Amino acid sequence: MKGFTLIEIIIVFSLIGILVGMGLPQYQSAAKRAREAVLKEDLFQMRKLIDQYCQDKGKYPASLQTLVDEKYLRSIPVDPITKSASTWLEIRETPPTDEYVMPESLGIVDVKSGSEIKAQDGTLYNTW
């Protein structure tokens, strides 16, 4: 017999569609796990550099940009969840209760993702 019949072609395309339909959720889940792993590593490195800056200078950096300006970071990393380098939440140190301190003089002690989305484990990314 020469060539394929229409029925055979429909069956082949149906099987391909079923296989793609089964593989797509796995791909999406793997991509989300990869973004979460990148976020965890970025947070770990930035927190380590904030602590290192504090040990070197005796005070916390004023912002993430300070870490770049002082050559602790090459550039502010892109948040893999929000896909932006400007959405990081900078957590400032708490001022002493007995005296007034200008808010802009307080350094950052921690950094978190600016995303409001839930992670695969059910927690929010901005709580990591």
PDB file of N, CA and C in Angstrom:
ATOM      1  N   MET A   1       0.830  -1.165   0.000  1.00  0.00           N
ATOM      2  CA  MET A   1       0.000   0.000   0.000  1.00  0.00           C
ATOM      3  C   MET A   1       0.886   1.244   0.000  1.00  0.00           C
ATOM      4  N   LYS A   2       0.524   2.239  -0.769  1.00  0.00           N
ATOM      5  CA  LYS A   2       1.313   3.457  -0.850  1.00  0.00           C
ATOM      6  C   LYS A   2       0.708   4.521   0.062  1.00  0.00           C
ATOM      7  N   GLY A   3       1.569   5.105   0.954  1.00  0.00           N
ATOM      8  CA  GLY A   3       1.147   6.225   1.783  1.00  0.00           C
ATOM      9  C   GLY A   3       0.244   5.828   2.937  1.00  0.00           C
ATOM     10  N   PHE A   4      -0.227   6.841   3.651  1.00  0.00           N
ATOM     11  CA  PHE A   4      -1.085   6.640   4.806  1.00  0.00           C
ATOM     12  C   PHE A   4      -2.518   7.004   4.457  1.00  0.00           C
ATOM     13  N   THR A   5      -3.421   6.362   5.156  1.00  0.00           N
ATOM     14  CA  THR A   5      -4.819   6.732   4.992  1.00  0.00           C
ATOM     15  C   THR A   5      -5.145   7.849   5.986  1.00  0.00           C
ATOM     16  N   LEU A   6      -6.236   8.490   5.776  1.00  0.00           N
ATOM     17  CA  LEU A   6      -6.648   9.588   6.647  1.00  0.00           C
ATOM     18  C   LEU A   6      -6.847   9.105   8.079  1.00  0.00           C
ATOM     19  N   ILE A   7      -7.383   7.927   8.256  1.00  0.00           N
ATOM     20  CA  ILE A   7      -7.617   7.364   9.595  1.00  0.00           C
ATOM     21  C   ILE A   7      -6.296   7.182  10.331  1.00  0.00           C
ATOM     22  N   GLU A   8      -5.280   6.657   9.654  1.00  0.00           N
ATOM     23  CA  GLU A   8      -3.974   6.446  10.291  1.00  0.00           C
ATOM     24  C   GLU A   8      -3.360   7.775  10.735  1.00  0.00           C
ATOM     25  N   ILE A   9      -3.476   8.793   9.894  1.00  0.00           N
ATOM     26  CA  ILE A   9      -2.926  10.102  10.232  1.00  0.00           C
ATOM     27  C   ILE A   9      -3.660  10.700  11.430  1.00  0.00           C
ATOM     28  N   ILE A  10      -4.964  10.558  11.485  1.00  0.00           N
ATOM     29  CA  ILE A  10      -5.746  11.067  12.614  1.00  0.00           C
ATOM     30  C   ILE A  10      -5.345  10.350  13.896  1.00  0.00           C
ATOM     31  N   ILE A  11      -5.134   9.037  13.822  1.00  0.00           N
ATOM     32  CA  ILE A  11      -4.728   8.261  14.995  1.00  0.00           C
ATOM     33  C   ILE A  11      -3.355   8.723  15.480  1.00  0.00           C
ATOM     34  N   VAL A  12      -2.412   8.923  14.563  1.00  0.00           N
ATOM     35  CA  VAL A  12      -1.067   9.360  14.947  1.00  0.00           C
ATOM     36  C   VAL A  12      -1.130  10.735  15.615  1.00  0.00           C
ATOM     37  N   PHE A  13      -1.863  11.666  15.022  1.00  0.00           N
ATOM     38  CA  PHE A  13      -1.967  12.999  15.616  1.00  0.00           C
ATOM     39  C   PHE A  13      -2.689  12.960  16.957  1.00  0.00           C
ATOM     40  N   SER A  14      -3.658  12.085  17.110  1.00  0.00           N
ATOM     41  CA  SER A  14      -4.351  11.941  18.389  1.00  0.00           C
ATOM     42  C   SER A  14      -3.404  11.440  19.463  1.00  0.00           C
ATOM     43  N   LEU A  15      -2.582  10.451  19.121  1.00  0.00           N
ATOM     44  CA  LEU A  15      -1.607   9.939  20.083  1.00  0.00           C
ATOM     45  C   LEU A  15      -0.588  11.011  20.465  1.00  0.00           C
ATOM     46  N   ILE A  16      -0.132  11.779  19.503  1.00  0.00           N
ATOM     47  CA  ILE A  16       0.806  12.861  19.795  1.00  0.00           C
ATOM     48  C   ILE A  16       0.152  13.883  20.723  1.00  0.00           C
ATOM     49  N   GLY A  17      -1.099  14.228  20.466  1.00  0.00           N
ATOM     50  CA  GLY A  17      -1.826  15.172  21.317  1.00  0.00           C
ATOM     51  C   GLY A  17      -1.976  14.665  22.738  1.00  0.00           C
ATOM     52  N   ILE A  18      -2.266  13.380  22.889  1.00  0.00           N
ATOM     53  CA  ILE A  18      -2.406  12.786  24.230  1.00  0.00           C
ATOM     54  C   ILE A  18      -1.075  12.835  24.971  1.00  0.00           C
ATOM     55  N   LEU A  19       0.016  12.489  24.284  1.00  0.00           N
ATOM     56  CA  LEU A  19       1.336  12.513  24.923  1.00  0.00           C
ATOM     57  C   LEU A  19       1.746  13.924  25.327  1.00  0.00           C
ATOM     58  N   VAL A  20       1.477  14.898  24.470  1.00  0.00           N
ATOM     59  CA  VAL A  20       1.791  16.291  24.810  1.00  0.00           C
ATOM     60  C   VAL A  20       0.935  16.741  25.990  1.00  0.00           C
ATOM     61  N   GLY A  21      -0.325  16.360  25.996  1.00  0.00           N
ATOM     62  CA  GLY A  21      -1.222  16.714  27.093  1.00  0.00           C
ATOM     63  C   GLY A  21      -0.775  16.126  28.417  1.00  0.00           C
ATOM     64  N   MET A  22      -0.178  14.952  28.384  1.00  0.00           N
ATOM     65  CA  MET A  22       0.315  14.327  29.607  1.00  0.00           C
ATOM     66  C   MET A  22       1.637  14.960  30.060  1.00  0.00           C
ATOM     67  N   GLY A  23       2.457  15.396  29.132  1.00  0.00           N
ATOM     68  CA  GLY A  23       3.773  15.931  29.469  1.00  0.00           C
ATOM     69  C   GLY A  23       3.774  17.392  29.863  1.00  0.00           C
ATOM     70  N   LEU A  24       2.800  18.157  29.399  1.00  0.00           N
ATOM     71  CA  LEU A  24       2.777  19.595  29.665  1.00  0.00           C
ATOM     72  C   LEU A  24       2.686  19.934  31.150  1.00  0.00           C
ATOM     73  N   PRO A  25       1.823  19.304  31.937  1.00  0.00           N
ATOM     74  CA  PRO A  25       1.796  19.620  33.377  1.00  0.00           C
ATOM     75  C   PRO A  25       3.126  19.292  34.073  1.00  0.00           C
ATOM     76  N   GLN A  26       3.769  18.228  33.649  1.00  0.00           N
ATOM     77  CA  GLN A  26       5.073  17.885  34.226  1.00  0.00           C
ATOM     78  C   GLN A  26       6.102  18.969  33.917  1.00  0.00           C
ATOM     79  N   TYR A  27       6.057  19.477  32.694  1.00  0.00           N
ATOM     80  CA  TYR A  27       6.985  20.538  32.295  1.00  0.00           C
ATOM     81  C   TYR A  27       6.731  21.805  33.106  1.00  0.00           C
ATOM     82  N   GLN A  28       5.466  22.179  33.266  1.00  0.00           N
ATOM     83  CA  GLN A  28       5.139  23.383  34.014  1.00  0.00           C
ATOM     84  C   GLN A  28       5.551  23.252  35.473  1.00  0.00           C
ATOM     85  N   SER A  29       5.354  22.083  36.048  1.00  0.00           N
ATOM     86  CA  SER A  29       5.755  21.848  37.432  1.00  0.00           C
ATOM     87  C   SER A  29       7.278  21.918  37.579  1.00  0.00           C
ATOM     88  N   ALA A  30       7.995  21.351  36.634  1.00  0.00           N
ATOM     89  CA  ALA A  30       9.462  21.388  36.690  1.00  0.00           C
ATOM     90  C   ALA A  30       9.978  22.815  36.533  1.00  0.00           C
ATOM     91  N   ALA A  31       9.344  23.592  35.681  1.00  0.00           N
ATOM     92  CA  ALA A  31       9.760  24.987  35.499  1.00  0.00           C
ATOM     93  C   ALA A  31       9.517  25.795  36.775  1.00  0.00           C
ATOM     94  N   LYS A  32       8.405  25.549  37.446  1.00  0.00           N
ATOM     95  CA  LYS A  32       8.112  26.263  38.695  1.00  0.00           C
ATOM     96  C   LYS A  32       9.097  25.865  39.788  1.00  0.00           C
ATOM     97  N   ARG A  33       9.429  24.572  39.871  1.00  0.00           N
ATOM     98  CA  ARG A  33      10.428  24.119  40.853  1.00  0.00           C
ATOM     99  C   ARG A  33      11.784  24.765  40.586  1.00  0.00           C
ATOM    100  N   ALA A  34      12.135  24.915  39.328  1.00  0.00           N
ATOM    101  CA  ALA A  34      13.415  25.541  38.970  1.00  0.00           C
ATOM    102  C   ALA A  34      13.427  27.011  39.380  1.00  0.00           C
ATOM    103  N   ARG A  35      12.327  27.735  39.149  1.00  0.00           N
ATOM    104  CA  ARG A  35      12.258  29.147  39.570  1.00  0.00           C
ATOM    105  C   ARG A  35      12.339  29.266  41.088  1.00  0.00           C
ATOM    106  N   GLU A  36      11.715  28.334  41.803  1.00  0.00           N
ATOM    107  CA  GLU A  36      11.781  28.346  43.266  1.00  0.00           C
ATOM    108  C   GLU A  36      13.208  28.105  43.748  1.00  0.00           C
ATOM    109  N   ALA A  37      13.918  27.197  43.094  1.00  0.00           N
ATOM    110  CA  ALA A  37      15.309  26.920  43.472  1.00  0.00           C
ATOM    111  C   ALA A  37      16.188  28.147  43.235  1.00  0.00           C
ATOM    112  N   VAL A  38      15.967  28.845  42.130  1.00  0.00           N
ATOM    113  CA  VAL A  38      16.727  30.062  41.842  1.00  0.00           C
ATOM    114  C   VAL A  38      16.411  31.134  42.882  1.00  0.00           C
ATOM    115  N   LEU A  39      15.146  31.278  43.252  1.00  0.00           N
ATOM    116  CA  LEU A  39      14.759  32.261  44.262  1.00  0.00           C
ATOM    117  C   LEU A  39      15.439  31.962  45.590  1.00  0.00           C
ATOM    118  N   LYS A  40      15.433  30.703  46.012  1.00  0.00           N
ATOM    119  CA  LYS A  40      16.074  30.337  47.279  1.00  0.00           C
ATOM    120  C   LYS A  40      17.567  30.659  47.251  1.00  0.00           C
ATOM    121  N   GLU A  41      18.214  30.373  46.146  1.00  0.00           N
ATOM    122  CA  GLU A  41      19.652  30.648  46.035  1.00  0.00           C
ATOM    123  C   GLU A  41      19.921  32.153  46.027  1.00  0.00           C
ATOM    124  N   ASP A  42      19.115  32.926  45.298  1.00  0.00           N
ATOM    125  CA  ASP A  42      19.285  34.380  45.277  1.00  0.00           C
ATOM    126  C   ASP A  42      19.110  34.975  46.664  1.00  0.00           C
ATOM    127  N   LEU A  43      18.076  34.534  47.378  1.00  0.00           N
ATOM    128  CA  LEU A  43      17.844  35.033  48.729  1.00  0.00           C
ATOM    129  C   LEU A  43      18.999  34.667  49.648  1.00  0.00           C
ATOM    130  N   PHE A  44      19.494  33.445  49.546  1.00  0.00           N
ATOM    131  CA  PHE A  44      20.615  33.004  50.381  1.00  0.00           C
ATOM    132  C   PHE A  44      21.845  33.872  50.131  1.00  0.00           C
ATOM    133  N   GLN A  45      22.172  34.102  48.853  1.00  0.00           N
ATOM    134  CA  GLN A  45      23.361  34.890  48.513  1.00  0.00           C
ATOM    135  C   GLN A  45      23.217  36.342  48.950  1.00  0.00           C
ATOM    136  N   MET A  46      22.051  36.950  48.705  1.00  0.00           N
ATOM    137  CA  MET A  46      21.874  38.349  49.095  1.00  0.00           C
ATOM    138  C   MET A  46      21.920  38.513  50.610  1.00  0.00           C
ATOM    139  N   ARG A  47      21.334  37.580  51.349  1.00  0.00           N
ATOM    140  CA  ARG A  47      21.379  37.648  52.816  1.00  0.00           C
ATOM    141  C   ARG A  47      22.802  37.478  53.325  1.00  0.00           C
ATOM    142  N   LYS A  48      23.544  36.601  52.683  1.00  0.00           N
ATOM    143  CA  LYS A  48      24.943  36.409  53.060  1.00  0.00           C
ATOM    144  C   LYS A  48      25.744  37.684  52.813  1.00  0.00           C
ATOM    145  N   LEU A  49      25.498  38.351  51.696  1.00  0.00           N
ATOM    146  CA  LEU A  49      26.217  39.581  51.370  1.00  0.00           C
ATOM    147  C   LEU A  49      25.806  40.739  52.274  1.00  0.00           C
ATOM    148  N   ILE A  50      24.545  40.787  52.686  1.00  0.00           N
ATOM    149  CA  ILE A  50      24.105  41.812  53.640  1.00  0.00           C
ATOM    150  C   ILE A  50      24.857  41.632  54.950  1.00  0.00           C
ATOM    151  N   ASP A  51      24.955  40.393  55.421  1.00  0.00           N
ATOM    152  CA  ASP A  51      25.693  40.114  56.658  1.00  0.00           C
ATOM    153  C   ASP A  51      27.175  40.437  56.507  1.00  0.00           C
ATOM    154  N   GLN A  52      27.746  40.104  55.364  1.00  0.00           N
ATOM    155  CA  GLN A  52      29.154  40.393  55.123  1.00  0.00           C
ATOM    156  C   GLN A  52      29.404  41.902  55.099  1.00  0.00           C
ATOM    157  N   TYR A  53      28.513  42.640  54.458  1.00  0.00           N
ATOM    158  CA  TYR A  53      28.618  44.095  54.422  1.00  0.00           C
ATOM    159  C   TYR A  53      28.585  44.658  55.840  1.00  0.00           C
ATOM    160  N   CYS A  54      27.663  44.150  56.655  1.00  0.00           N
ATOM    161  CA  CYS A  54      27.523  44.617  58.034  1.00  0.00           C
ATOM    162  C   CYS A  54      28.800  44.337  58.836  1.00  0.00           C
ATOM    163  N   GLN A  55      29.385  43.162  58.637  1.00  0.00           N
ATOM    164  CA  GLN A  55      30.626  42.841  59.341  1.00  0.00           C
ATOM    165  C   GLN A  55      31.777  43.735  58.878  1.00  0.00           C
ATOM    166  N   ASP A  56      31.837  44.022  57.592  1.00  0.00           N
ATOM    167  CA  ASP A  56      32.921  44.843  57.046  1.00  0.00           C
ATOM    168  C   ASP A  56      32.781  46.315  57.429  1.00  0.00           C
ATOM    169  N   LYS A  57      31.573  46.860  57.341  1.00  0.00           N
ATOM    170  CA  LYS A  57      31.353  48.301  57.505  1.00  0.00           C
ATOM    171  C   LYS A  57      30.829  48.696  58.883  1.00  0.00           C
ATOM    172  N   GLY A  58      30.357  47.721  59.660  1.00  0.00           N
ATOM    173  CA  GLY A  58      29.817  48.035  60.979  1.00  0.00           C
ATOM    174  C   GLY A  58      28.396  48.565  60.955  1.00  0.00           C
ATOM    175  N   LYS A  59      27.751  48.530  59.819  1.00  0.00           N
ATOM    176  CA  LYS A  59      26.360  48.955  59.689  1.00  0.00           C
ATOM    177  C   LYS A  59      25.747  48.206  58.515  1.00  0.00           C
ATOM    178  N   TYR A  60      24.407  48.185  58.483  1.00  0.00           N
ATOM    179  CA  TYR A  60      23.715  47.516  57.400  1.00  0.00           C
ATOM    180  C   TYR A  60      23.668  48.421  56.171  1.00  0.00           C
ATOM    181  N   PRO A  61      23.607  47.836  54.969  1.00  0.00           N
ATOM    182  CA  PRO A  61      23.533  48.675  53.758  1.00  0.00           C
ATOM    183  C   PRO A  61      22.213  49.437  53.700  1.00  0.00           C
ATOM    184  N   ALA A  62      22.257  50.599  53.081  1.00  0.00           N
ATOM    185  CA  ALA A  62      21.056  51.431  52.971  1.00  0.00           C
ATOM    186  C   ALA A  62      20.041  50.820  52.009  1.00  0.00           C
ATOM    187  N   SER A  63      20.512  50.073  51.019  1.00  0.00           N
ATOM    188  CA  SER A  63      19.629  49.450  50.041  1.00  0.00           C
ATOM    189  C   SER A  63      20.396  48.353  49.316  1.00  0.00           C
ATOM    190  N   LEU A  64      19.702  47.608  48.479  1.00  0.00           N
ATOM    191  CA  LEU A  64      20.390  46.613  47.656  1.00  0.00           C
ATOM    192  C   LEU A  64      21.330  47.287  46.668  1.00  0.00           C
ATOM    193  N   GLN A  65      20.968  48.483  46.225  1.00  0.00           N
ATOM    194  CA  GLN A  65      21.827  49.219  45.300  1.00  0.00           C
ATOM    195  C   GLN A  65      23.167  49.561  45.954  1.00  0.00           C
ATOM    196  N   THR A  66      23.179  49.742  47.264  1.00  0.00           N
ATOM    197  CA  THR A  66      24.429  49.990  47.982  1.00  0.00           C
ATOM    198  C   THR A  66      25.369  48.799  47.836  1.00  0.00           C
ATOM    199  N   LEU A  67      24.815  47.597  47.857  1.00  0.00           N
ATOM    200  CA  LEU A  67      25.644  46.403  47.673  1.00  0.00           C
ATOM    201  C   LEU A  67      26.271  46.389  46.283  1.00  0.00           C
ATOM    202  N   VAL A  68      25.546  46.881  45.302  1.00  0.00           N
ATOM    203  CA  VAL A  68      26.086  46.963  43.947  1.00  0.00           C
ATOM    204  C   VAL A  68      27.152  48.056  43.877  1.00  0.00           C
ATOM    205  N   ASP A  69      26.859  49.226  44.452  1.00  0.00           N
ATOM    206  CA  ASP A  69      27.796  50.354  44.414  1.00  0.00           C
ATOM    207  C   ASP A  69      29.103  50.033  45.124  1.00  0.00           C
ATOM    208  N   GLU A  70      29.013  49.245  46.195  1.00  0.00           N
ATOM    209  CA  GLU A  70      30.207  48.892  46.977  1.00  0.00           C
ATOM    210  C   GLU A  70      30.873  47.609  46.475  1.00  0.00           C
ATOM    211  N   LYS A  71      30.408  47.103  45.336  1.00  0.00           N
ATOM    212  CA  LYS A  71      30.991  45.929  44.663  1.00  0.00           C
ATOM    213  C   LYS A  71      30.809  44.611  45.431  1.00  0.00           C
ATOM    214  N   TYR A  72      29.769  44.534  46.255  1.00  0.00           N
ATOM    215  CA  TYR A  72      29.443  43.253  46.872  1.00  0.00           C
ATOM    216  C   TYR A  72      28.615  42.404  45.909  1.00  0.00           C
ATOM    217  N   LEU A  73      27.860  43.059  45.053  1.00  0.00           N
ATOM    218  CA  LEU A  73      27.072  42.410  44.005  1.00  0.00           C
ATOM    219  C   LEU A  73      27.427  43.052  42.677  1.00  0.00           C
ATOM    220  N   ARG A  74      27.415  42.281  41.609  1.00  0.00           N
ATOM    221  CA  ARG A  74      27.604  42.869  40.276  1.00  0.00           C
ATOM    222  C   ARG A  74      26.375  43.653  39.853  1.00  0.00           C
ATOM    223  N   SER A  75      25.225  43.073  40.104  1.00  0.00           N
ATOM    224  CA  SER A  75      23.958  43.740  39.824  1.00  0.00           C
ATOM    225  C   SER A  75      22.889  43.096  40.698  1.00  0.00           C
ATOM    226  N   ILE A  76      21.807  43.813  40.878  1.00  0.00           N
ATOM    227  CA  ILE A  76      20.697  43.255  41.653  1.00  0.00           C
ATOM    228  C   ILE A  76      20.063  42.159  40.807  1.00  0.00           C
ATOM    229  N   PRO A  77      19.951  40.944  41.349  1.00  0.00           N
ATOM    230  CA  PRO A  77      19.386  39.858  40.538  1.00  0.00           C
ATOM    231  C   PRO A  77      17.906  40.060  40.253  1.00  0.00           C
ATOM    232  N   VAL A  78      17.462  39.462  39.180  1.00  0.00           N
ATOM    233  CA  VAL A  78      16.046  39.491  38.815  1.00  0.00           C
ATOM    234  C   VAL A  78      15.312  38.459  39.659  1.00  0.00           C
ATOM    235  N   ASP A  79      14.239  38.892  40.279  1.00  0.00           N
ATOM    236  CA  ASP A  79      13.396  37.965  41.038  1.00  0.00           C
ATOM    237  C   ASP A  79      12.785  36.988  40.036  1.00  0.00           C
ATOM    238  N   PRO A  80      13.073  35.680  40.150  1.00  0.00           N
ATOM    239  CA  PRO A  80      12.571  34.732  39.150  1.00  0.00           C
ATOM    240  C   PRO A  80      11.055  34.567  39.152  1.00  0.00           C
ATOM    241  N   ILE A  81      10.402  35.003  40.201  1.00  0.00           N
ATOM    242  CA  ILE A  81       8.949  34.865  40.259  1.00  0.00           C
ATOM    243  C   ILE A  81       8.283  36.082  39.628  1.00  0.00           C
ATOM    244  N   THR A  82       8.721  37.287  39.980  1.00  0.00           N
ATOM    245  CA  THR A  82       8.127  38.504  39.422  1.00  0.00           C
ATOM    246  C   THR A  82       8.801  38.933  38.123  1.00  0.00           C
ATOM    247  N   LYS A  83       9.951  38.349  37.831  1.00  0.00           N
ATOM    248  CA  LYS A  83      10.740  38.655  36.627  1.00  0.00           C
ATOM    249  C   LYS A  83      11.144  40.125  36.568  1.00  0.00           C
ATOM    250  N   SER A  84      11.461  40.697  37.735  1.00  0.00           N
ATOM    251  CA  SER A  84      11.898  42.082  37.815  1.00  0.00           C
ATOM    252  C   SER A  84      12.926  42.220  38.930  1.00  0.00           C
ATOM    253  N   ALA A  85      13.910  43.075  38.727  1.00  0.00           N
ATOM    254  CA  ALA A  85      14.925  43.320  39.752  1.00  0.00           C
ATOM    255  C   ALA A  85      14.479  44.409  40.722  1.00  0.00           C
ATOM    256  N   SER A  86      13.362  45.054  40.450  1.00  0.00           N
ATOM    257  CA  SER A  86      12.923  46.169  41.296  1.00  0.00           C
ATOM    258  C   SER A  86      11.817  45.792  42.275  1.00  0.00           C
ATOM    259  N   THR A  87      11.428  44.540  42.331  1.00  0.00           N
ATOM    260  CA  THR A  87      10.306  44.144  43.195  1.00  0.00           C
ATOM    261  C   THR A  87      10.750  43.525  44.517  1.00  0.00           C
ATOM    262  N   TRP A  88      12.043  43.451  44.774  1.00  0.00           N
ATOM    263  CA  TRP A  88      12.507  42.878  46.040  1.00  0.00           C
ATOM    264  C   TRP A  88      11.994  43.716  47.206  1.00  0.00           C
ATOM    265  N   LEU A  89      11.572  43.056  48.279  1.00  0.00           N
ATOM    266  CA  LEU A  89      11.147  43.749  49.497  1.00  0.00           C
ATOM    267  C   LEU A  89      12.345  43.854  50.423  1.00  0.00           C
ATOM    268  N   GLU A  90      12.757  45.063  50.720  1.00  0.00           N
ATOM    269  CA  GLU A  90      13.888  45.296  51.618  1.00  0.00           C
ATOM    270  C   GLU A  90      13.352  45.450  53.034  1.00  0.00           C
ATOM    271  N   ILE A  91      13.771  44.576  53.938  1.00  0.00           N
ATOM    272  CA  ILE A  91      13.324  44.609  55.327  1.00  0.00           C
ATOM    273  C   ILE A  91      14.346  45.441  56.111  1.00  0.00           C
ATOM    274  N   ARG A  92      13.884  46.541  56.689  1.00  0.00           N
ATOM    275  CA  ARG A  92      14.769  47.470  57.408  1.00  0.00           C
ATOM    276  C   ARG A  92      14.947  47.048  58.860  1.00  0.00           C
ATOM    277  N   GLU A  93      16.067  47.465  59.444  1.00  0.00           N
ATOM    278  CA  GLU A  93      16.301  47.187  60.852  1.00  0.00           C
ATOM    279  C   GLU A  93      15.314  47.977  61.696  1.00  0.00           C
ATOM    280  N   THR A  94      15.002  47.480  62.876  1.00  0.00           N
ATOM    281  CA  THR A  94      14.040  48.154  63.751  1.00  0.00           C
ATOM    282  C   THR A  94      14.774  49.235  64.546  1.00  0.00           C
ATOM    283  N   PRO A  95      14.167  50.417  64.639  1.00  0.00           N
ATOM    284  CA  PRO A  95      14.841  51.496  65.376  1.00  0.00           C
ATOM    285  C   PRO A  95      14.772  51.253  66.878  1.00  0.00           C
ATOM    286  N   PRO A  96      15.704  51.817  67.618  1.00  0.00           N
ATOM    287  CA  PRO A  96      15.637  51.691  69.078  1.00  0.00           C
ATOM    288  C   PRO A  96      14.380  52.398  69.609  1.00  0.00           C
ATOM    289  N   THR A  97      13.804  51.871  70.658  1.00  0.00           N
ATOM    290  CA  THR A  97      12.549  52.419  71.177  1.00  0.00           C
ATOM    291  C   THR A  97      12.755  53.698  71.966  1.00  0.00           C
ATOM    292  N   ASP A  98      13.943  53.931  72.480  1.00  0.00           N
ATOM    293  CA  ASP A  98      14.162  55.081  73.346  1.00  0.00           C
ATOM    294  C   ASP A  98      14.608  56.344  72.616  1.00  0.00           C
ATOM    295  N   GLU A  99      14.861  56.266  71.318  1.00  0.00           N
ATOM    296  CA  GLU A  99      15.272  57.455  70.582  1.00  0.00           C
ATOM    297  C   GLU A  99      14.682  57.435  69.174  1.00  0.00           C
ATOM    298  N   TYR A 100      14.550  58.635  68.606  1.00  0.00           N
ATOM    299  CA  TYR A 100      14.015  58.742  67.255  1.00  0.00           C
ATOM    300  C   TYR A 100      15.167  58.634  66.256  1.00  0.00           C
ATOM    301  N   VAL A 101      14.976  57.793  65.242  1.00  0.00           N
ATOM    302  CA  VAL A 101      15.968  57.635  64.187  1.00  0.00           C
ATOM    303  C   VAL A 101      15.265  57.873  62.861  1.00  0.00           C
ATOM    304  N   MET A 102      15.904  58.613  61.985  1.00  0.00           N
ATOM    305  CA  MET A 102      15.338  58.857  60.658  1.00  0.00           C
ATOM    306  C   MET A 102      15.188  57.523  59.925  1.00  0.00           C
ATOM    307  N   PRO A 103      14.021  57.265  59.331  1.00  0.00           N
ATOM    308  CA  PRO A 103      13.808  55.973  58.661  1.00  0.00           C
ATOM    309  C   PRO A 103      14.830  55.692  57.560  1.00  0.00           C
ATOM    310  N   GLU A 104      15.277  56.727  56.838  1.00  0.00           N
ATOM    311  CA  GLU A 104      16.233  56.493  55.756  1.00  0.00           C
ATOM    312  C   GLU A 104      17.623  56.139  56.261  1.00  0.00           C
ATOM    313  N   SER A 105      17.879  56.344  57.554  1.00  0.00           N
ATOM    314  CA  SER A 105      19.189  55.974  58.090  1.00  0.00           C
ATOM    315  C   SER A 105      19.233  54.517  58.553  1.00  0.00           C
ATOM    316  N   LEU A 106      18.076  53.861  58.538  1.00  0.00           N
ATOM    317  CA  LEU A 106      18.029  52.451  58.920  1.00  0.00           C
ATOM    318  C   LEU A 106      18.426  51.591  57.725  1.00  0.00           C
ATOM    319  N   GLY A 107      19.312  50.649  57.933  1.00  0.00           N
ATOM    320  CA  GLY A 107      19.763  49.775  56.858  1.00  0.00           C
ATOM    321  C   GLY A 107      18.845  48.585  56.666  1.00  0.00           C
ATOM    322  N   ILE A 108      19.093  47.838  55.609  1.00  0.00           N
ATOM    323  CA  ILE A 108      18.297  46.639  55.354  1.00  0.00           C
ATOM    324  C   ILE A 108      18.966  45.435  56.005  1.00  0.00           C
ATOM    325  N   VAL A 109      18.175  44.648  56.690  1.00  0.00           N
ATOM    326  CA  VAL A 109      18.683  43.461  57.376  1.00  0.00           C
ATOM    327  C   VAL A 109      18.264  42.177  56.673  1.00  0.00           C
ATOM    328  N   ASP A 110      17.284  42.284  55.781  1.00  0.00           N
ATOM    329  CA  ASP A 110      16.792  41.094  55.093  1.00  0.00           C
ATOM    330  C   ASP A 110      16.169  41.513  53.771  1.00  0.00           C
ATOM    331  N   VAL A 111      15.987  40.549  52.907  1.00  0.00           N
ATOM    332  CA  VAL A 111      15.357  40.791  51.614  1.00  0.00           C
ATOM    333  C   VAL A 111      14.415  39.625  51.329  1.00  0.00           C
ATOM    334  N   LYS A 112      13.283  39.945  50.708  1.00  0.00           N
ATOM    335  CA  LYS A 112      12.288  38.921  50.368  1.00  0.00           C
ATOM    336  C   LYS A 112      11.756  39.185  48.966  1.00  0.00           C
ATOM    337  N   SER A 113      11.139  38.192  48.393  1.00  0.00           N
ATOM    338  CA  SER A 113      10.525  38.348  47.078  1.00  0.00           C
ATOM    339  C   SER A 113       9.312  39.258  47.181  1.00  0.00           C
ATOM    340  N   GLY A 114       9.054  40.012  46.148  1.00  0.00           N
ATOM    341  CA  GLY A 114       7.887  40.884  46.127  1.00  0.00           C
ATOM    342  C   GLY A 114       6.638  40.215  45.597  1.00  0.00           C
ATOM    343  N   SER A 115       6.682  38.924  45.379  1.00  0.00           N
ATOM    344  CA  SER A 115       5.558  38.199  44.796  1.00  0.00           C
ATOM    345  C   SER A 115       4.499  37.871  45.847  1.00  0.00           C
ATOM    346  N   GLU A 116       3.243  37.954  45.446  1.00  0.00           N
ATOM    347  CA  GLU A 116       2.115  37.578  46.305  1.00  0.00           C
ATOM    348  C   GLU A 116       1.610  36.172  45.977  1.00  0.00           C
ATOM    349  N   ILE A 117       2.334  35.458  45.130  1.00  0.00           N
ATOM    350  CA  ILE A 117       1.900  34.145  44.650  1.00  0.00           C
ATOM    351  C   ILE A 117       2.294  33.062  45.664  1.00  0.00           C
ATOM    352  N   LYS A 118       1.509  31.994  45.699  1.00  0.00           N
ATOM    353  CA  LYS A 118       1.817  30.859  46.563  1.00  0.00           C
ATOM    354  C   LYS A 118       2.812  29.931  45.886  1.00  0.00           C
ATOM    355  N   ALA A 119       3.717  29.396  46.687  1.00  0.00           N
ATOM    356  CA  ALA A 119       4.689  28.425  46.206  1.00  0.00           C
ATOM    357  C   ALA A 119       4.042  27.047  46.146  1.00  0.00           C
ATOM    358  N   GLN A 120       4.789  26.085  45.649  1.00  0.00           N
ATOM    359  CA  GLN A 120       4.245  24.723  45.552  1.00  0.00           C
ATOM    360  C   GLN A 120       3.985  24.110  46.920  1.00  0.00           C
ATOM    361  N   ASP A 121       4.700  24.582  47.951  1.00  0.00           N
ATOM    362  CA  ASP A 121       4.473  24.046  49.287  1.00  0.00           C
ATOM    363  C   ASP A 121       3.336  24.759  50.026  1.00  0.00           C
ATOM    364  N   GLY A 122       2.680  25.741  49.370  1.00  0.00           N
ATOM    365  CA  GLY A 122       1.534  26.426  49.954  1.00  0.00           C
ATOM    366  C   GLY A 122       1.869  27.735  50.654  1.00  0.00           C
ATOM    367  N   THR A 123       3.138  28.026  50.880  1.00  0.00           N
ATOM    368  CA  THR A 123       3.530  29.294  51.504  1.00  0.00           C
ATOM    369  C   THR A 123       3.637  30.374  50.435  1.00  0.00           C
ATOM    370  N   LEU A 124       3.596  31.618  50.862  1.00  0.00           N
ATOM    371  CA  LEU A 124       3.771  32.730  49.947  1.00  0.00           C
ATOM    372  C   LEU A 124       5.271  32.961  49.727  1.00  0.00           C
ATOM    373  N   TYR A 125       5.621  33.329  48.499  1.00  0.00           N
ATOM    374  CA  TYR A 125       7.036  33.578  48.202  1.00  0.00           C
ATOM    375  C   TYR A 125       7.580  34.736  49.032  1.00  0.00           C
ATOM    376  N   ASN A 126       6.747  35.726  49.342  1.00  0.00           N
ATOM    377  CA  ASN A 126       7.253  36.867  50.089  1.00  0.00           C
ATOM    378  C   ASN A 126       7.432  36.594  51.577  1.00  0.00           C
ATOM    379  N   THR A 127       7.240  35.332  51.998  1.00  0.00           N
ATOM    380  CA  THR A 127       7.526  34.960  53.385  1.00  0.00           C
ATOM    381  C   THR A 127       8.811  34.141  53.504  1.00  0.00           C
ATOM    382  N   TRP A 128       9.434  33.854  52.382  1.00  0.00           N
ATOM    383  CA  TRP A 128      10.664  33.058  52.424  1.00  0.00           C
ATOM    384  C   TRP A 128      11.823  33.860  52.933  1.00  0.00           C
TER     385      TRP A 128
END
